[in-house]
Amino acid sequence: MRRLSLAFTCTAMLAVSACENLTREERVVVGGLTGAAVGLITARELTDDDDWVIIGTLTGAAAGALIARNRDTGRCAYATRGSGYRVAPC
């Protein structure tokens, strides 16, 4: 199973590197799908509980989409005290 996971991860990384000419929306979708795949593989390797696999997949998708969007704009959100955040260059 680990070999399959490693092969899939390497293939996904190579596929993402070919995303040079995509629009912003396409990059967000690709980032979300890649994050979901990495979250799924990681959750499957760490646990067999289906609830955690779903949570890991959704978290990976959200993180991948945010990373793709932030790379496009060059700005990131940083948490502040309380429940706020500030936006600044990455």
N, C-alpha and C. Protein backbone atom coordinates (compact mmCIF):
# COMPACT_ATOMS: atom_id res chain seq x y z
N MET A 1 0.83 -1.19 0.00
CA MET A 1 0.00 0.00 0.00
C MET A 1 0.87 1.26 0.00
N ARG A 2 1.99 1.22 0.72
CA ARG A 2 2.86 2.39 0.79
C ARG A 2 3.48 2.70 -0.57
N ARG A 3 3.82 1.68 -1.33
CA ARG A 3 4.38 1.91 -2.66
C ARG A 3 3.35 2.58 -3.57
N LEU A 4 2.12 2.12 -3.47
CA LEU A 4 1.05 2.71 -4.27
C LEU A 4 0.83 4.17 -3.88
N SER A 5 0.83 4.44 -2.59
CA SER A 5 0.66 5.82 -2.10
C SER A 5 1.81 6.71 -2.56
N LEU A 6 3.03 6.20 -2.48
CA LEU A 6 4.18 6.98 -2.92
C LEU A 6 4.14 7.24 -4.42
N ALA A 7 3.77 6.23 -5.19
CA ALA A 7 3.67 6.40 -6.64
C ALA A 7 2.59 7.41 -6.99
N PHE A 8 1.45 7.36 -6.32
CA PHE A 8 0.37 8.30 -6.58
C PHE A 8 0.78 9.73 -6.23
N THR A 9 1.45 9.88 -5.10
CA THR A 9 1.89 11.21 -4.66
C THR A 9 2.90 11.80 -5.65
N CYS A 10 3.85 11.00 -6.09
CA CYS A 10 4.83 11.49 -7.07
C CYS A 10 4.17 11.86 -8.39
N THR A 11 3.22 11.06 -8.83
CA THR A 11 2.50 11.36 -10.06
C THR A 11 1.71 12.65 -9.92
N ALA A 12 1.07 12.84 -8.79
CA ALA A 12 0.30 14.07 -8.56
C ALA A 12 1.20 15.29 -8.55
N MET A 13 2.39 15.17 -7.96
CA MET A 13 3.31 16.30 -7.93
C MET A 13 3.79 16.66 -9.33
N LEU A 14 4.04 15.66 -10.15
CA LEU A 14 4.45 15.93 -11.53
C LEU A 14 3.31 16.55 -12.33
N ALA A 15 2.10 16.10 -12.08
CA ALA A 15 0.95 16.66 -12.80
C ALA A 15 0.72 18.11 -12.42
N VAL A 16 0.88 18.44 -11.16
CA VAL A 16 0.67 19.81 -10.71
C VAL A 16 1.75 20.74 -11.28
N SER A 17 2.95 20.22 -11.46
CA SER A 17 4.01 21.06 -12.02
C SER A 17 3.73 21.46 -13.46
N ALA A 18 2.82 20.78 -14.12
CA ALA A 18 2.46 21.11 -15.50
C ALA A 18 1.33 22.13 -15.58
N CYS A 19 0.97 22.76 -14.47
CA CYS A 19 -0.16 23.68 -14.40
C CYS A 19 0.25 25.12 -14.61
N GLU A 20 1.23 25.37 -15.42
CA GLU A 20 1.77 26.70 -15.61
C GLU A 20 0.79 27.65 -16.30
N ASN A 21 0.04 27.18 -17.27
CA ASN A 21 -0.81 28.05 -18.09
C ASN A 21 -2.29 27.98 -17.71
N LEU A 22 -2.59 27.71 -16.47
CA LEU A 22 -3.99 27.61 -16.04
C LEU A 22 -4.50 28.97 -15.56
N THR A 23 -5.81 29.14 -15.64
CA THR A 23 -6.42 30.35 -15.08
C THR A 23 -6.44 30.24 -13.56
N ARG A 24 -6.80 31.32 -12.90
CA ARG A 24 -6.84 31.33 -11.44
C ARG A 24 -7.83 30.29 -10.91
N GLU A 25 -9.00 30.22 -11.52
CA GLU A 25 -10.01 29.27 -11.07
C GLU A 25 -9.55 27.83 -11.28
N GLU A 26 -8.90 27.57 -12.39
CA GLU A 26 -8.41 26.23 -12.65
C GLU A 26 -7.33 25.83 -11.65
N ARG A 27 -6.47 26.78 -11.28
CA ARG A 27 -5.44 26.49 -10.27
C ARG A 27 -6.06 26.16 -8.93
N VAL A 28 -7.13 26.87 -8.56
CA VAL A 28 -7.80 26.60 -7.29
C VAL A 28 -8.42 25.20 -7.31
N VAL A 29 -9.03 24.84 -8.43
CA VAL A 29 -9.63 23.50 -8.54
C VAL A 29 -8.56 22.43 -8.47
N VAL A 30 -7.47 22.60 -9.21
CA VAL A 30 -6.38 21.63 -9.19
C VAL A 30 -5.77 21.55 -7.79
N GLY A 31 -5.59 22.69 -7.14
CA GLY A 31 -5.06 22.70 -5.78
C GLY A 31 -5.99 21.97 -4.82
N GLY A 32 -7.28 22.20 -4.96
CA GLY A 32 -8.25 21.52 -4.09
C GLY A 32 -8.26 20.02 -4.31
N LEU A 33 -8.21 19.60 -5.57
CA LEU A 33 -8.21 18.16 -5.86
C LEU A 33 -6.91 17.50 -5.38
N THR A 34 -5.81 18.18 -5.57
CA THR A 34 -4.53 17.64 -5.11
C THR A 34 -4.51 17.55 -3.59
N GLY A 35 -4.99 18.60 -2.93
CA GLY A 35 -5.06 18.57 -1.47
C GLY A 35 -5.96 17.47 -0.96
N ALA A 36 -7.09 17.25 -1.64
CA ALA A 36 -8.00 16.19 -1.24
C ALA A 36 -7.34 14.82 -1.39
N ALA A 37 -6.59 14.63 -2.48
CA ALA A 37 -5.91 13.36 -2.68
C ALA A 37 -4.85 13.12 -1.62
N VAL A 38 -4.07 14.14 -1.32
CA VAL A 38 -3.04 14.00 -0.28
C VAL A 38 -3.68 13.77 1.08
N GLY A 39 -4.77 14.49 1.38
CA GLY A 39 -5.48 14.28 2.64
C GLY A 39 -6.05 12.88 2.76
N LEU A 40 -6.59 12.37 1.66
CA LEU A 40 -7.14 11.02 1.64
C LEU A 40 -6.07 9.98 1.89
N ILE A 41 -4.96 10.11 1.18
CA ILE A 41 -3.87 9.13 1.33
C ILE A 41 -3.30 9.18 2.74
N THR A 42 -3.09 10.37 3.26
CA THR A 42 -2.54 10.51 4.60
C THR A 42 -3.48 9.93 5.64
N ALA A 43 -4.76 10.23 5.54
CA ALA A 43 -5.73 9.72 6.51
C ALA A 43 -5.84 8.21 6.43
N ARG A 44 -5.80 7.67 5.23
CA ARG A 44 -5.87 6.21 5.07
C ARG A 44 -4.65 5.52 5.69
N GLU A 45 -3.49 6.14 5.54
CA GLU A 45 -2.27 5.55 6.10
C GLU A 45 -2.25 5.63 7.62
N LEU A 46 -2.82 6.69 8.19
CA LEU A 46 -2.75 6.89 9.63
C LEU A 46 -3.88 6.22 10.40
N THR A 47 -5.03 6.04 9.78
CA THR A 47 -6.17 5.47 10.49
C THR A 47 -7.10 4.74 9.53
N ASP A 48 -7.91 3.84 10.09
CA ASP A 48 -8.90 3.16 9.29
C ASP A 48 -10.31 3.67 9.56
N ASP A 49 -10.43 4.65 10.43
CA ASP A 49 -11.73 5.21 10.78
C ASP A 49 -12.24 6.07 9.62
N ASP A 50 -13.40 5.72 9.08
CA ASP A 50 -13.94 6.43 7.92
C ASP A 50 -14.22 7.91 8.20
N ASP A 51 -14.61 8.23 9.42
CA ASP A 51 -14.86 9.64 9.75
C ASP A 51 -13.61 10.48 9.61
N TRP A 52 -12.48 9.96 10.09
CA TRP A 52 -11.22 10.70 9.99
C TRP A 52 -10.73 10.79 8.56
N VAL A 53 -11.02 9.78 7.76
CA VAL A 53 -10.64 9.82 6.35
C VAL A 53 -11.41 10.93 5.64
N ILE A 54 -12.69 11.06 5.94
CA ILE A 54 -13.50 12.13 5.34
C ILE A 54 -13.00 13.50 5.79
N ILE A 55 -12.72 13.64 7.08
CA ILE A 55 -12.22 14.92 7.61
C ILE A 55 -10.87 15.25 6.98
N GLY A 56 -9.98 14.28 6.86
CA GLY A 56 -8.67 14.51 6.25
C GLY A 56 -8.78 14.91 4.79
N THR A 57 -9.70 14.29 4.07
CA THR A 57 -9.90 14.62 2.66
C THR A 57 -10.43 16.04 2.50
N LEU A 58 -11.43 16.40 3.29
CA LEU A 58 -12.00 17.75 3.20
C LEU A 58 -11.00 18.81 3.63
N THR A 59 -10.23 18.53 4.68
CA THR A 59 -9.21 19.48 5.12
C THR A 59 -8.13 19.66 4.06
N GLY A 60 -7.71 18.58 3.44
CA GLY A 60 -6.72 18.67 2.37
C GLY A 60 -7.24 19.46 1.18
N ALA A 61 -8.50 19.27 0.84
CA ALA A 61 -9.09 20.01 -0.28
C ALA A 61 -9.12 21.51 0.03
N ALA A 62 -9.53 21.86 1.24
CA ALA A 62 -9.60 23.28 1.61
C ALA A 62 -8.20 23.90 1.62
N ALA A 63 -7.24 23.20 2.18
CA ALA A 63 -5.88 23.72 2.25
C ALA A 63 -5.29 23.88 0.85
N GLY A 64 -5.51 22.89 -0.01
CA GLY A 64 -4.98 22.97 -1.37
C GLY A 64 -5.57 24.13 -2.16
N ALA A 65 -6.87 24.36 -2.00
CA ALA A 65 -7.50 25.47 -2.70
C ALA A 65 -6.99 26.81 -2.18
N LEU A 66 -6.84 26.94 -0.87
CA LEU A 66 -6.33 28.19 -0.30
C LEU A 66 -4.88 28.46 -0.71
N ILE A 67 -4.06 27.43 -0.71
CA ILE A 67 -2.67 27.61 -1.11
C ILE A 67 -2.59 28.04 -2.57
N ALA A 68 -3.38 27.43 -3.43
CA ALA A 68 -3.37 27.81 -4.85
C ALA A 68 -3.84 29.24 -5.02
N ARG A 69 -4.87 29.64 -4.31
CA ARG A 69 -5.39 31.01 -4.43
C ARG A 69 -4.37 32.01 -3.89
N ASN A 70 -3.75 31.71 -2.77
CA ASN A 70 -2.77 32.63 -2.18
C ASN A 70 -1.52 32.76 -3.03
N ARG A 71 -1.09 31.70 -3.68
CA ARG A 71 0.07 31.79 -4.57
C ARG A 71 -0.23 32.70 -5.74
N ASP A 72 -1.48 32.71 -6.18
CA ASP A 72 -1.87 33.55 -7.32
C ASP A 72 -1.83 35.02 -6.96
N THR A 73 -2.31 35.37 -5.77
CA THR A 73 -2.37 36.77 -5.36
C THR A 73 -1.11 37.23 -4.65
N GLY A 74 -0.33 36.30 -4.11
CA GLY A 74 0.88 36.68 -3.37
C GLY A 74 0.57 37.21 -1.99
N ARG A 75 -0.65 37.04 -1.52
CA ARG A 75 -1.05 37.54 -0.20
C ARG A 75 -1.61 36.38 0.62
N CYS A 76 -1.33 36.41 1.91
CA CYS A 76 -1.78 35.36 2.82
C CYS A 76 -2.52 35.98 3.99
N ALA A 77 -3.38 35.21 4.62
CA ALA A 77 -4.10 35.66 5.81
C ALA A 77 -3.38 35.13 7.04
N TYR A 78 -3.14 36.01 8.00
CA TYR A 78 -2.48 35.64 9.25
C TYR A 78 -3.44 35.89 10.41
N ALA A 79 -3.53 34.92 11.33
CA ALA A 79 -4.42 35.05 12.48
C ALA A 79 -3.90 36.12 13.42
N THR A 80 -4.84 36.86 14.01
CA THR A 80 -4.51 37.84 15.03
C THR A 80 -5.14 37.40 16.33
N ARG A 81 -4.93 38.17 17.37
CA ARG A 81 -5.55 37.83 18.65
C ARG A 81 -7.07 37.89 18.49
N GLY A 82 -7.73 37.03 19.19
CA GLY A 82 -9.17 36.96 19.07
C GLY A 82 -9.56 36.14 17.87
N SER A 83 -10.60 36.55 17.17
CA SER A 83 -11.07 35.79 16.02
C SER A 83 -10.81 36.48 14.70
N GLY A 84 -9.92 37.44 14.67
CA GLY A 84 -9.66 38.20 13.46
C GLY A 84 -8.45 37.69 12.70
N TYR A 85 -8.19 38.34 11.58
CA TYR A 85 -7.02 38.02 10.80
C TYR A 85 -6.60 39.27 10.02
N ARG A 86 -5.36 39.26 9.55
CA ARG A 86 -4.87 40.35 8.72
C ARG A 86 -4.30 39.75 7.45
N VAL A 87 -4.37 40.50 6.36
CA VAL A 87 -3.85 40.04 5.07
C VAL A 87 -2.58 40.81 4.77
N ALA A 88 -1.53 40.06 4.42
CA ALA A 88 -0.23 40.67 4.13
C ALA A 88 0.48 39.81 3.07
N PRO A 89 1.54 40.35 2.47
CA PRO A 89 2.29 39.53 1.51
C PRO A 89 2.81 38.25 2.18
N CYS A 90 2.84 37.18 1.42
CA CYS A 90 3.33 35.89 1.94
C CYS A 90 4.82 35.91 2.16
